[in-house]
Amino acid sequence: MSAGWVAAAVRARALAGRCPGPDGAREIARGPALGDALRLLAPTPYGRYARTAVDLPGAQRAVTATVLWQLRVLAGWLPPGGARLLVPLAAGFEIANVVALLPAPGGRPDRAPEPYRLGALETAWRSLEGAGTPTELRAALAASPWGDPGADTPWALVTGMRMAAARRTDVAVPAARRWARARAALLAARERFVHGRSLPAPVRRDAARLLGSRASDAASYEDFRDRLPASARWVLADVEEPDTLWRAEARWWRTVRADGTALLREGRPGPGAVVGAVAVLSADAWRVRAALESAARGGRAREAFDALV
């Protein structure tokens, strides 16, 4: 293993070790108000971006911006070409940038946030940000590693990107393959059996590639769940109804954190430690965002927070 990967593994463990963790998140969730939660957030790594936050969306945005900054720092420690490992894992930030470009139902009451600055973690943002219409955005996606989402409605564009992110992660990051396939199962289940939408053809192809054609062609949620490959079926275990998919989402995050922690503890420098750190950092941010929401509601959402984490 090269010295570059050794240095990256050391940095990865250092970044992950500074997370507030479950206990820190529970303390933040106790509130009893958002201001109290922000004061508890100040000495954590999230404090750098959260110090100017004045409301819940701003505070949650600060948490995700911190994760992106951590991933960019980590990318700078990787040996030449190593940043390619992180690009699929950072795809959610580019998707968020695209969401901010799209028209929202009922119009957008506030000014869209500044796009996340992706640096070396960009997939195709410089090509996408200049798109003036959904049709132009679809064309730019089709000409990029994202691929054609199959339609130019806002829903189709975002769903196509999310399934493509799972497909790209499955191919490029072997240590994250189990997470990617379970994420694809959650996406397909929610869109088909909660929202009652038919997936565009390119999204169906990606879903079949990740989950198998038997699951992708299933007519009911029960058949879909039972036909999933073992690499994805675990995320829907005991989730009997699509209306309770939020439990599966929480299970996915807990599993990502546990698997990431195990990768970090293996002690071997290399890509596994880096992927493990990304998992731990991302799961911690998800948990802290939920804690902030609980605090902002005056602790009224504490039971829901405890069920999630």
C-alpha atoms as a PDB file:
ATOM      1  CA  MET A   1       0.000   0.000   0.000  1.00  0.00           C
ATOM      2  CA  SER A   2       1.400   3.403  -1.001  1.00  0.00           C
ATOM      3  CA  ALA A   3       2.334   6.080   1.496  1.00  0.00           C
ATOM      4  CA  GLY A   4      -0.503   8.190   0.065  1.00  0.00           C
ATOM      5  CA  TRP A   5      -3.133   5.641   1.088  1.00  0.00           C
ATOM      6  CA  VAL A   6      -1.542   5.289   4.519  1.00  0.00           C
ATOM      7  CA  ALA A   7      -1.736   9.064   5.043  1.00  0.00           C
ATOM      8  CA  ALA A   8      -5.309   9.128   3.747  1.00  0.00           C
ATOM      9  CA  ALA A   9      -6.349   6.356   6.151  1.00  0.00           C
ATOM     10  CA  VAL A  10      -4.847   8.248   9.094  1.00  0.00           C
ATOM     11  CA  ARG A  11      -6.683  11.410   8.060  1.00  0.00           C
ATOM     12  CA  ALA A  12      -9.918   9.477   7.522  1.00  0.00           C
ATOM     13  CA  ARG A  13      -9.832   8.055  11.031  1.00  0.00           C
ATOM     14  CA  ALA A  14      -9.077  11.480  12.484  1.00  0.00           C
ATOM     15  CA  LEU A  15     -12.057  13.075  10.726  1.00  0.00           C
ATOM     16  CA  ALA A  16     -14.437  10.287  11.725  1.00  0.00           C
ATOM     17  CA  GLY A  17     -13.195  10.370  15.312  1.00  0.00           C
ATOM     18  CA  ARG A  18     -14.396  13.951  15.791  1.00  0.00           C
ATOM     19  CA  CYS A  19     -18.066  13.156  15.123  1.00  0.00           C
ATOM     20  CA  PRO A  20     -20.491  13.877  17.985  1.00  0.00           C
ATOM     21  CA  GLY A  21     -21.801  10.329  17.668  1.00  0.00           C
ATOM     22  CA  PRO A  22     -25.120   8.995  19.023  1.00  0.00           C
ATOM     23  CA  ASP A  23     -24.650  10.452  22.506  1.00  0.00           C
ATOM     24  CA  GLY A  24     -23.797  13.892  21.159  1.00  0.00           C
ATOM     25  CA  ALA A  25     -26.780  13.832  18.830  1.00  0.00           C
ATOM     26  CA  ARG A  26     -29.136  12.879  21.669  1.00  0.00           C
ATOM     27  CA  GLU A  27     -27.851  15.819  23.693  1.00  0.00           C
ATOM     28  CA  ILE A  28     -28.486  18.148  20.757  1.00  0.00           C
ATOM     29  CA  ALA A  29     -31.978  16.700  20.271  1.00  0.00           C
ATOM     30  CA  ARG A  30     -32.951  17.530  23.862  1.00  0.00           C
ATOM     31  CA  GLY A  31     -33.022  21.210  22.947  1.00  0.00           C
ATOM     32  CA  PRO A  32     -35.298  22.466  24.294  1.00  0.00           C
ATOM     33  CA  ALA A  33     -35.026  24.959  21.411  1.00  0.00           C
ATOM     34  CA  LEU A  34     -32.994  25.351  18.250  1.00  0.00           C
ATOM     35  CA  GLY A  35     -30.785  28.017  19.859  1.00  0.00           C
ATOM     36  CA  ASP A  36     -29.769  25.581  22.593  1.00  0.00           C
ATOM     37  CA  ALA A  37     -28.993  22.922  19.983  1.00  0.00           C
ATOM     38  CA  LEU A  38     -26.844  25.349  17.994  1.00  0.00           C
ATOM     39  CA  ARG A  39     -24.820  26.191  21.104  1.00  0.00           C
ATOM     40  CA  LEU A  40     -24.164  22.482  21.605  1.00  0.00           C
ATOM     41  CA  LEU A  41     -23.216  22.221  17.933  1.00  0.00           C
ATOM     42  CA  ALA A  42     -20.637  25.016  18.170  1.00  0.00           C
ATOM     43  CA  PRO A  43     -17.692  22.966  19.551  1.00  0.00           C
ATOM     44  CA  THR A  44     -18.256  20.119  17.073  1.00  0.00           C
ATOM     45  CA  PRO A  45     -16.918  20.034  13.505  1.00  0.00           C
ATOM     46  CA  TYR A  46     -20.305  21.385  12.368  1.00  0.00           C
ATOM     47  CA  GLY A  47     -19.819  24.613  14.296  1.00  0.00           C
ATOM     48  CA  ARG A  48     -17.671  26.189  11.581  1.00  0.00           C
ATOM     49  CA  TYR A  49     -20.600  26.423   9.181  1.00  0.00           C
ATOM     50  CA  ALA A  50     -23.412  26.528  11.730  1.00  0.00           C
ATOM     51  CA  ARG A  51     -22.316  29.705  13.508  1.00  0.00           C
ATOM     52  CA  THR A  52     -24.311  31.899  11.100  1.00  0.00           C
ATOM     53  CA  ALA A  53     -27.408  29.683  11.060  1.00  0.00           C
ATOM     54  CA  VAL A  54     -30.594  31.312  12.362  1.00  0.00           C
ATOM     55  CA  ASP A  55     -33.240  28.727  11.442  1.00  0.00           C
ATOM     56  CA  LEU A  56     -33.625  24.975  11.017  1.00  0.00           C
ATOM     57  CA  PRO A  57     -33.002  24.805   7.235  1.00  0.00           C
ATOM     58  CA  GLY A  58     -29.857  26.887   7.647  1.00  0.00           C
ATOM     59  CA  ALA A  59     -28.602  24.713  10.497  1.00  0.00           C
ATOM     60  CA  GLN A  60     -29.256  21.494   8.597  1.00  0.00           C
ATOM     61  CA  ARG A  61     -27.595  22.923   5.508  1.00  0.00           C
ATOM     62  CA  ALA A  62     -24.553  23.779   7.643  1.00  0.00           C
ATOM     63  CA  VAL A  63     -24.319  20.146   8.725  1.00  0.00           C
ATOM     64  CA  THR A  64     -24.305  18.836   5.164  1.00  0.00           C
ATOM     65  CA  ALA A  65     -21.871  21.559   4.060  1.00  0.00           C
ATOM     66  CA  THR A  66     -19.526  20.342   6.788  1.00  0.00           C
ATOM     67  CA  VAL A  67     -19.602  16.815   5.410  1.00  0.00           C
ATOM     68  CA  LEU A  68     -18.775  18.079   1.927  1.00  0.00           C
ATOM     69  CA  TRP A  69     -15.840  20.067   3.331  1.00  0.00           C
ATOM     70  CA  GLN A  70     -14.626  16.922   5.148  1.00  0.00           C
ATOM     71  CA  LEU A  71     -14.842  14.869   1.950  1.00  0.00           C
ATOM     72  CA  ARG A  72     -12.918  17.514   0.018  1.00  0.00           C
ATOM     73  CA  VAL A  73     -10.231  17.528   2.705  1.00  0.00           C
ATOM     74  CA  LEU A  74     -10.074  13.751   2.520  1.00  0.00           C
ATOM     75  CA  ALA A  75      -9.866  13.837  -1.275  1.00  0.00           C
ATOM     76  CA  GLY A  76      -6.836  16.104  -0.993  1.00  0.00           C
ATOM     77  CA  TRP A  77      -5.013  13.436   1.016  1.00  0.00           C
ATOM     78  CA  LEU A  78      -5.638  10.646  -1.474  1.00  0.00           C
ATOM     79  CA  PRO A  79      -2.935   9.540  -3.900  1.00  0.00           C
ATOM     80  CA  PRO A  80      -3.265  10.605  -7.560  1.00  0.00           C
ATOM     81  CA  GLY A  81      -6.511   9.300  -8.999  1.00  0.00           C
ATOM     82  CA  GLY A  82      -7.840   8.333  -5.589  1.00  0.00           C
ATOM     83  CA  ALA A  83     -10.479  11.061  -5.527  1.00  0.00           C
ATOM     84  CA  ARG A  84     -12.426   9.052  -8.116  1.00  0.00           C
ATOM     85  CA  LEU A  85     -13.382   6.744  -5.247  1.00  0.00           C
ATOM     86  CA  LEU A  86     -15.209   9.595  -3.507  1.00  0.00           C
ATOM     87  CA  VAL A  87     -17.036  11.082  -6.502  1.00  0.00           C
ATOM     88  CA  PRO A  88     -19.964   8.584  -6.487  1.00  0.00           C
ATOM     89  CA  LEU A  89     -20.176   8.816  -2.688  1.00  0.00           C
ATOM     90  CA  ALA A  90     -20.542  12.608  -2.940  1.00  0.00           C
ATOM     91  CA  ALA A  91     -23.230  12.414  -5.632  1.00  0.00           C
ATOM     92  CA  GLY A  92     -25.938  13.602  -3.254  1.00  0.00           C
ATOM     93  CA  PHE A  93     -24.442  17.085  -3.167  1.00  0.00           C
ATOM     94  CA  GLU A  94     -24.640  17.422  -6.944  1.00  0.00           C
ATOM     95  CA  ILE A  95     -28.208  16.120  -6.858  1.00  0.00           C
ATOM     96  CA  ALA A  96     -29.046  18.774  -4.258  1.00  0.00           C
ATOM     97  CA  ASN A  97     -27.581  21.424  -6.545  1.00  0.00           C
ATOM     98  CA  VAL A  98     -29.808  20.220  -9.379  1.00  0.00           C
ATOM     99  CA  VAL A  99     -32.896  20.186  -7.138  1.00  0.00           C
ATOM    100  CA  ALA A 100     -32.242  23.862  -6.394  1.00  0.00           C
ATOM    101  CA  LEU A 101     -32.332  24.588 -10.153  1.00  0.00           C
ATOM    102  CA  LEU A 102     -35.717  22.971 -10.711  1.00  0.00           C
ATOM    103  CA  PRO A 103     -39.138  24.597 -10.382  1.00  0.00           C
ATOM    104  CA  ALA A 104     -40.959  23.545  -7.224  1.00  0.00           C
ATOM    105  CA  PRO A 105     -44.725  22.942  -6.915  1.00  0.00           C
ATOM    106  CA  GLY A 106     -46.369  26.218  -6.027  1.00  0.00           C
ATOM    107  CA  GLY A 107     -43.234  28.206  -6.744  1.00  0.00           C
ATOM    108  CA  ARG A 108     -40.182  28.741  -4.598  1.00  0.00           C
ATOM    109  CA  PRO A 109     -40.860  31.297  -1.848  1.00  0.00           C
ATOM    110  CA  ASP A 110     -37.266  31.943  -0.952  1.00  0.00           C
ATOM    111  CA  ARG A 111     -34.067  32.462  -2.847  1.00  0.00           C
ATOM    112  CA  ALA A 112     -32.381  29.167  -3.745  1.00  0.00           C
ATOM    113  CA  PRO A 113     -29.297  28.413  -1.645  1.00  0.00           C
ATOM    114  CA  GLU A 114     -25.837  28.803  -3.069  1.00  0.00           C
ATOM    115  CA  PRO A 115     -24.799  25.585  -4.799  1.00  0.00           C
ATOM    116  CA  TYR A 116     -22.450  23.264  -2.989  1.00  0.00           C
ATOM    117  CA  ARG A 117     -18.871  23.769  -4.153  1.00  0.00           C
ATOM    118  CA  LEU A 118     -17.788  20.310  -5.239  1.00  0.00           C
ATOM    119  CA  GLY A 119     -14.222  20.790  -6.442  1.00  0.00           C
ATOM    120  CA  ALA A 120     -12.619  17.435  -7.316  1.00  0.00           C
ATOM    121  CA  LEU A 121     -15.821  15.639  -6.246  1.00  0.00           C
ATOM    122  CA  GLU A 122     -17.837  17.018  -9.162  1.00  0.00           C
ATOM    123  CA  THR A 123     -19.375  14.637 -11.667  1.00  0.00           C
ATOM    124  CA  ALA A 124     -20.742  17.102 -14.224  1.00  0.00           C
ATOM    125  CA  TRP A 125     -21.944  20.142 -12.288  1.00  0.00           C
ATOM    126  CA  ARG A 126     -20.234  22.706 -14.549  1.00  0.00           C
ATOM    127  CA  SER A 127     -22.225  21.295 -17.463  1.00  0.00           C
ATOM    128  CA  LEU A 128     -25.471  21.077 -15.529  1.00  0.00           C
ATOM    129  CA  GLU A 129     -25.532  24.475 -13.844  1.00  0.00           C
ATOM    130  CA  GLY A 130     -25.840  26.317 -17.159  1.00  0.00           C
ATOM    131  CA  ALA A 131     -29.048  24.497 -18.121  1.00  0.00           C
ATOM    132  CA  GLY A 132     -31.873  26.997 -18.407  1.00  0.00           C
ATOM    133  CA  THR A 133     -34.773  24.559 -18.699  1.00  0.00           C
ATOM    134  CA  PRO A 134     -35.542  20.980 -17.603  1.00  0.00           C
ATOM    135  CA  THR A 135     -35.176  19.903 -21.242  1.00  0.00           C
ATOM    136  CA  GLU A 136     -31.665  21.347 -21.382  1.00  0.00           C
ATOM    137  CA  LEU A 137     -30.877  19.739 -18.049  1.00  0.00           C
ATOM    138  CA  ARG A 138     -31.953  16.328 -19.318  1.00  0.00           C
ATOM    139  CA  ALA A 139     -29.719  16.734 -22.360  1.00  0.00           C
ATOM    140  CA  ALA A 140     -26.750  17.703 -20.177  1.00  0.00           C
ATOM    141  CA  LEU A 141     -27.333  14.701 -17.910  1.00  0.00           C
ATOM    142  CA  ALA A 142     -27.594  12.359 -20.899  1.00  0.00           C
ATOM    143  CA  ALA A 143     -24.201  13.574 -22.151  1.00  0.00           C
ATOM    144  CA  SER A 144     -22.573  13.018 -18.746  1.00  0.00           C
ATOM    145  CA  PRO A 145     -21.757  10.027 -16.522  1.00  0.00           C
ATOM    146  CA  TRP A 146     -25.189  10.495 -14.948  1.00  0.00           C
ATOM    147  CA  GLY A 147     -26.919   9.248 -18.082  1.00  0.00           C
ATOM    148  CA  ASP A 148     -30.361  10.010 -19.499  1.00  0.00           C
ATOM    149  CA  PRO A 149     -33.026  10.100 -16.746  1.00  0.00           C
ATOM    150  CA  GLY A 150     -35.711   9.224 -19.303  1.00  0.00           C
ATOM    151  CA  ALA A 151     -37.866  12.355 -19.084  1.00  0.00           C
ATOM    152  CA  ASP A 152     -37.530  16.049 -18.296  1.00  0.00           C
ATOM    153  CA  THR A 153     -40.047  16.467 -15.484  1.00  0.00           C
ATOM    154  CA  PRO A 154     -38.474  17.528 -12.171  1.00  0.00           C
ATOM    155  CA  TRP A 155     -39.434  14.196 -10.595  1.00  0.00           C
ATOM    156  CA  ALA A 156     -37.908  12.155 -13.416  1.00  0.00           C
ATOM    157  CA  LEU A 157     -34.693  14.190 -13.437  1.00  0.00           C
ATOM    158  CA  VAL A 158     -34.097  13.767  -9.714  1.00  0.00           C
ATOM    159  CA  THR A 159     -35.187  10.121  -9.574  1.00  0.00           C
ATOM    160  CA  GLY A 160     -32.950   9.315 -12.502  1.00  0.00           C
ATOM    161  CA  MET A 161     -29.981  10.930 -10.790  1.00  0.00           C
ATOM    162  CA  ARG A 162     -30.643   9.104  -7.526  1.00  0.00           C
ATOM    163  CA  MET A 163     -30.831   5.700  -9.174  1.00  0.00           C
ATOM    164  CA  ALA A 164     -27.784   6.536 -11.289  1.00  0.00           C
ATOM    165  CA  ALA A 165     -25.885   7.431  -8.116  1.00  0.00           C
ATOM    166  CA  ALA A 166     -26.636   3.962  -6.736  1.00  0.00           C
ATOM    167  CA  ARG A 167     -25.540   2.362 -10.009  1.00  0.00           C
ATOM    168  CA  ARG A 168     -22.295   4.348 -10.148  1.00  0.00           C
ATOM    169  CA  THR A 169     -21.493   3.550  -6.518  1.00  0.00           C
ATOM    170  CA  ASP A 170     -22.152  -0.145  -7.109  1.00  0.00           C
ATOM    171  CA  VAL A 171     -19.668  -0.166  -9.982  1.00  0.00           C
ATOM    172  CA  ALA A 172     -16.933   2.093  -8.619  1.00  0.00           C
ATOM    173  CA  VAL A 173     -16.920   1.470  -4.850  1.00  0.00           C
ATOM    174  CA  PRO A 174     -16.970  -2.262  -4.018  1.00  0.00           C
ATOM    175  CA  ALA A 175     -16.951  -1.592  -0.260  1.00  0.00           C
ATOM    176  CA  ALA A 176     -20.200   0.369  -0.635  1.00  0.00           C
ATOM    177  CA  ARG A 177     -21.961  -2.054  -2.988  1.00  0.00           C
ATOM    178  CA  ARG A 178     -24.315  -3.398  -0.308  1.00  0.00           C
ATOM    179  CA  TRP A 179     -25.388   0.121   0.632  1.00  0.00           C
ATOM    180  CA  ALA A 180     -25.912   1.111  -2.996  1.00  0.00           C
ATOM    181  CA  ARG A 181     -28.202  -1.821  -3.750  1.00  0.00           C
ATOM    182  CA  ALA A 182     -30.251  -1.295  -0.611  1.00  0.00           C
ATOM    183  CA  ARG A 183     -30.544   2.411  -1.455  1.00  0.00           C
ATOM    184  CA  ALA A 184     -31.830   1.454  -4.921  1.00  0.00           C
ATOM    185  CA  ALA A 185     -34.407  -0.834  -3.298  1.00  0.00           C
ATOM    186  CA  LEU A 186     -35.624   1.978  -1.052  1.00  0.00           C
ATOM    187  CA  LEU A 187     -35.890   4.387  -3.968  1.00  0.00           C
ATOM    188  CA  ALA A 188     -37.775   1.950  -6.185  1.00  0.00           C
ATOM    189  CA  ALA A 189     -40.121   0.903  -3.364  1.00  0.00           C
ATOM    190  CA  ARG A 190     -40.970   4.477  -2.422  1.00  0.00           C
ATOM    191  CA  GLU A 191     -41.585   5.683  -5.960  1.00  0.00           C
ATOM    192  CA  ARG A 192     -43.589   2.677  -7.088  1.00  0.00           C
ATOM    193  CA  PHE A 193     -45.549   1.628  -4.012  1.00  0.00           C
ATOM    194  CA  VAL A 194     -45.905   4.857  -2.024  1.00  0.00           C
ATOM    195  CA  HIS A 195     -46.211   7.445  -4.799  1.00  0.00           C
ATOM    196  CA  GLY A 196     -47.602   5.039  -7.408  1.00  0.00           C
ATOM    197  CA  ARG A 197     -45.220   6.169 -10.148  1.00  0.00           C
ATOM    198  CA  SER A 198     -43.858   4.102 -13.013  1.00  0.00           C
ATOM    199  CA  LEU A 199     -40.111   4.447 -13.291  1.00  0.00           C
ATOM    200  CA  PRO A 200     -38.772   5.885 -16.572  1.00  0.00           C
ATOM    201  CA  ALA A 201     -37.132   3.289 -18.813  1.00  0.00           C
ATOM    202  CA  PRO A 202     -33.485   4.191 -18.003  1.00  0.00           C
ATOM    203  CA  VAL A 203     -34.275   4.128 -14.273  1.00  0.00           C
ATOM    204  CA  ARG A 204     -35.939   0.711 -14.651  1.00  0.00           C
ATOM    205  CA  ARG A 205     -32.815  -0.571 -16.392  1.00  0.00           C
ATOM    206  CA  ASP A 206     -30.590   0.674 -13.586  1.00  0.00           C
ATOM    207  CA  ALA A 207     -32.941  -0.835 -11.012  1.00  0.00           C
ATOM    208  CA  ALA A 208     -32.899  -4.195 -12.812  1.00  0.00           C
ATOM    209  CA  ARG A 209     -29.094  -4.084 -12.963  1.00  0.00           C
ATOM    210  CA  LEU A 210     -28.890  -3.505  -9.214  1.00  0.00           C
ATOM    211  CA  LEU A 211     -31.864  -5.531  -7.949  1.00  0.00           C
ATOM    212  CA  GLY A 212     -32.552  -8.092 -10.650  1.00  0.00           C
ATOM    213  CA  SER A 213     -35.384  -8.114 -13.158  1.00  0.00           C
ATOM    214  CA  ARG A 214     -37.681 -10.256 -10.967  1.00  0.00           C
ATOM    215  CA  ALA A 215     -37.808  -7.593  -8.266  1.00  0.00           C
ATOM    216  CA  SER A 216     -37.963  -4.718 -10.726  1.00  0.00           C
ATOM    217  CA  ASP A 217     -40.956  -6.249 -12.518  1.00  0.00           C
ATOM    218  CA  ALA A 218     -42.874  -7.108  -9.336  1.00  0.00           C
ATOM    219  CA  ALA A 219     -46.459  -5.850  -9.328  1.00  0.00           C
ATOM    220  CA  SER A 220     -46.843  -5.575  -5.544  1.00  0.00           C
ATOM    221  CA  TYR A 221     -44.723  -4.366  -2.669  1.00  0.00           C
ATOM    222  CA  GLU A 222     -44.763  -7.823  -1.088  1.00  0.00           C
ATOM    223  CA  ASP A 223     -43.479  -9.470  -4.277  1.00  0.00           C
ATOM    224  CA  PHE A 224     -40.888  -6.731  -4.729  1.00  0.00           C
ATOM    225  CA  ARG A 225     -39.546  -7.234  -1.215  1.00  0.00           C
ATOM    226  CA  ASP A 226     -39.477 -11.034  -1.481  1.00  0.00           C
ATOM    227  CA  ARG A 227     -37.745 -11.034  -4.874  1.00  0.00           C
ATOM    228  CA  LEU A 228     -34.897  -8.727  -3.883  1.00  0.00           C
ATOM    229  CA  PRO A 229     -31.394 -10.204  -3.841  1.00  0.00           C
ATOM    230  CA  ALA A 230     -29.901 -10.808  -0.404  1.00  0.00           C
ATOM    231  CA  SER A 231     -27.594  -7.819  -0.894  1.00  0.00           C
ATOM    232  CA  ALA A 232     -30.655  -5.526  -0.788  1.00  0.00           C
ATOM    233  CA  ARG A 233     -33.404  -7.535   0.906  1.00  0.00           C
ATOM    234  CA  TRP A 234     -32.055  -6.843   4.402  1.00  0.00           C
ATOM    235  CA  VAL A 235     -33.108  -3.205   4.300  1.00  0.00           C
ATOM    236  CA  LEU A 236     -36.811  -4.110   3.977  1.00  0.00           C
ATOM    237  CA  ALA A 237     -36.794  -6.956   6.494  1.00  0.00           C
ATOM    238  CA  ASP A 238     -39.879  -6.715   8.761  1.00  0.00           C
ATOM    239  CA  VAL A 239     -41.130  -3.653   6.853  1.00  0.00           C
ATOM    240  CA  GLU A 240     -44.534  -5.077   5.991  1.00  0.00           C
ATOM    241  CA  GLU A 241     -46.121  -1.987   4.452  1.00  0.00           C
ATOM    242  CA  PRO A 242     -44.649   0.653   2.132  1.00  0.00           C
ATOM    243  CA  ASP A 243     -46.053   3.370   4.406  1.00  0.00           C
ATOM    244  CA  THR A 244     -43.433   2.394   7.013  1.00  0.00           C
ATOM    245  CA  LEU A 245     -40.446   2.681   4.700  1.00  0.00           C
ATOM    246  CA  TRP A 246     -39.078   5.354   7.042  1.00  0.00           C
ATOM    247  CA  ARG A 247     -38.082   2.474   9.334  1.00  0.00           C
ATOM    248  CA  ALA A 248     -36.107   0.930   6.489  1.00  0.00           C
ATOM    249  CA  GLU A 249     -34.454   4.288   5.815  1.00  0.00           C
ATOM    250  CA  ALA A 250     -33.352   4.482   9.451  1.00  0.00           C
ATOM    251  CA  ARG A 251     -32.084   0.883   9.284  1.00  0.00           C
ATOM    252  CA  TRP A 252     -30.093   1.765   6.157  1.00  0.00           C
ATOM    253  CA  TRP A 253     -28.348   4.623   7.944  1.00  0.00           C
ATOM    254  CA  ARG A 254     -27.614   2.558  11.056  1.00  0.00           C
ATOM    255  CA  THR A 255     -26.161  -0.207   8.885  1.00  0.00           C
ATOM    256  CA  VAL A 256     -24.037   2.224   6.902  1.00  0.00           C
ATOM    257  CA  ARG A 257     -22.616   3.598  10.140  1.00  0.00           C
ATOM    258  CA  ALA A 258     -21.956   0.132  11.594  1.00  0.00           C
ATOM    259  CA  ASP A 259     -20.305  -1.101   8.391  1.00  0.00           C
ATOM    260  CA  GLY A 260     -18.255   2.088   8.131  1.00  0.00           C
ATOM    261  CA  THR A 261     -17.071   1.739  11.713  1.00  0.00           C
ATOM    262  CA  ALA A 262     -16.033  -1.844  11.002  1.00  0.00           C
ATOM    263  CA  LEU A 263     -14.044  -0.737   7.944  1.00  0.00           C
ATOM    264  CA  LEU A 264     -12.240   1.869  10.036  1.00  0.00           C
ATOM    265  CA  ARG A 265     -11.423  -0.659  12.751  1.00  0.00           C
ATOM    266  CA  GLU A 266      -9.863  -3.140  10.353  1.00  0.00           C
ATOM    267  CA  GLY A 267      -6.637  -1.188  10.720  1.00  0.00           C
ATOM    268  CA  ARG A 268      -5.514  -1.701   7.135  1.00  0.00           C
ATOM    269  CA  PRO A 269      -4.727   1.523   5.283  1.00  0.00           C
ATOM    270  CA  GLY A 270      -6.327   1.827   1.903  1.00  0.00           C
ATOM    271  CA  PRO A 271      -9.635   2.475   0.178  1.00  0.00           C
ATOM    272  CA  GLY A 272     -11.638   0.565   2.788  1.00  0.00           C
ATOM    273  CA  ALA A 273     -10.698   2.967   5.562  1.00  0.00           C
ATOM    274  CA  VAL A 274     -11.571   5.951   3.374  1.00  0.00           C
ATOM    275  CA  VAL A 275     -14.978   4.527   2.437  1.00  0.00           C
ATOM    276  CA  GLY A 276     -15.572   3.689   6.095  1.00  0.00           C
ATOM    277  CA  ALA A 277     -14.864   7.273   7.103  1.00  0.00           C
ATOM    278  CA  VAL A 278     -17.279   8.613   4.478  1.00  0.00           C
ATOM    279  CA  ALA A 279     -19.954   6.273   5.842  1.00  0.00           C
ATOM    280  CA  VAL A 280     -19.415   7.353   9.453  1.00  0.00           C
ATOM    281  CA  LEU A 281     -19.308  11.053   8.573  1.00  0.00           C
ATOM    282  CA  SER A 282     -22.452  10.840   6.438  1.00  0.00           C
ATOM    283  CA  ALA A 283     -24.423   8.840   8.998  1.00  0.00           C
ATOM    284  CA  ASP A 284     -23.418  11.208  11.780  1.00  0.00           C
ATOM    285  CA  ALA A 285     -24.610  14.182   9.745  1.00  0.00           C
ATOM    286  CA  TRP A 286     -27.956  12.460   9.077  1.00  0.00           C
ATOM    287  CA  ARG A 287     -28.369  11.858  12.796  1.00  0.00           C
ATOM    288  CA  VAL A 288     -27.421  15.429  13.751  1.00  0.00           C
ATOM    289  CA  ARG A 289     -29.847  16.872  11.204  1.00  0.00           C
ATOM    290  CA  ALA A 290     -32.610  14.795  12.822  1.00  0.00           C
ATOM    291  CA  ALA A 291     -31.487  16.001  16.261  1.00  0.00           C
ATOM    292  CA  LEU A 292     -31.717  19.614  15.146  1.00  0.00           C
ATOM    293  CA  GLU A 293     -35.267  19.066  13.929  1.00  0.00           C
ATOM    294  CA  SER A 294     -36.204  17.526  17.270  1.00  0.00           C
ATOM    295  CA  ALA A 295     -34.746  20.522  19.129  1.00  0.00           C
ATOM    296  CA  ALA A 296     -36.455  22.998  16.797  1.00  0.00           C
ATOM    297  CA  ARG A 297     -39.796  21.399  17.687  1.00  0.00           C
ATOM    298  CA  GLY A 298     -39.141  21.896  21.372  1.00  0.00           C
ATOM    299  CA  GLY A 299     -38.406  18.230  21.942  1.00  0.00           C
ATOM    300  CA  ARG A 300     -41.861  17.181  20.713  1.00  0.00           C
ATOM    301  CA  ALA A 301     -40.216  14.986  18.072  1.00  0.00           C
ATOM    302  CA  ARG A 302     -37.884  13.306  20.586  1.00  0.00           C
ATOM    303  CA  GLU A 303     -39.709   9.971  20.476  1.00  0.00           C
ATOM    304  CA  ALA A 304     -39.455   9.945  16.690  1.00  0.00           C
ATOM    305  CA  PHE A 305     -35.775  10.850  16.949  1.00  0.00           C
ATOM    306  CA  ASP A 306     -35.129   7.992  19.372  1.00  0.00           C
ATOM    307  CA  ALA A 307     -36.928   5.580  17.030  1.00  0.00           C
ATOM    308  CA  LEU A 308     -34.768   6.722  14.144  1.00  0.00           C
ATOM    309  CA  VAL A 309     -31.381   6.512  15.822  1.00  0.00           C
END
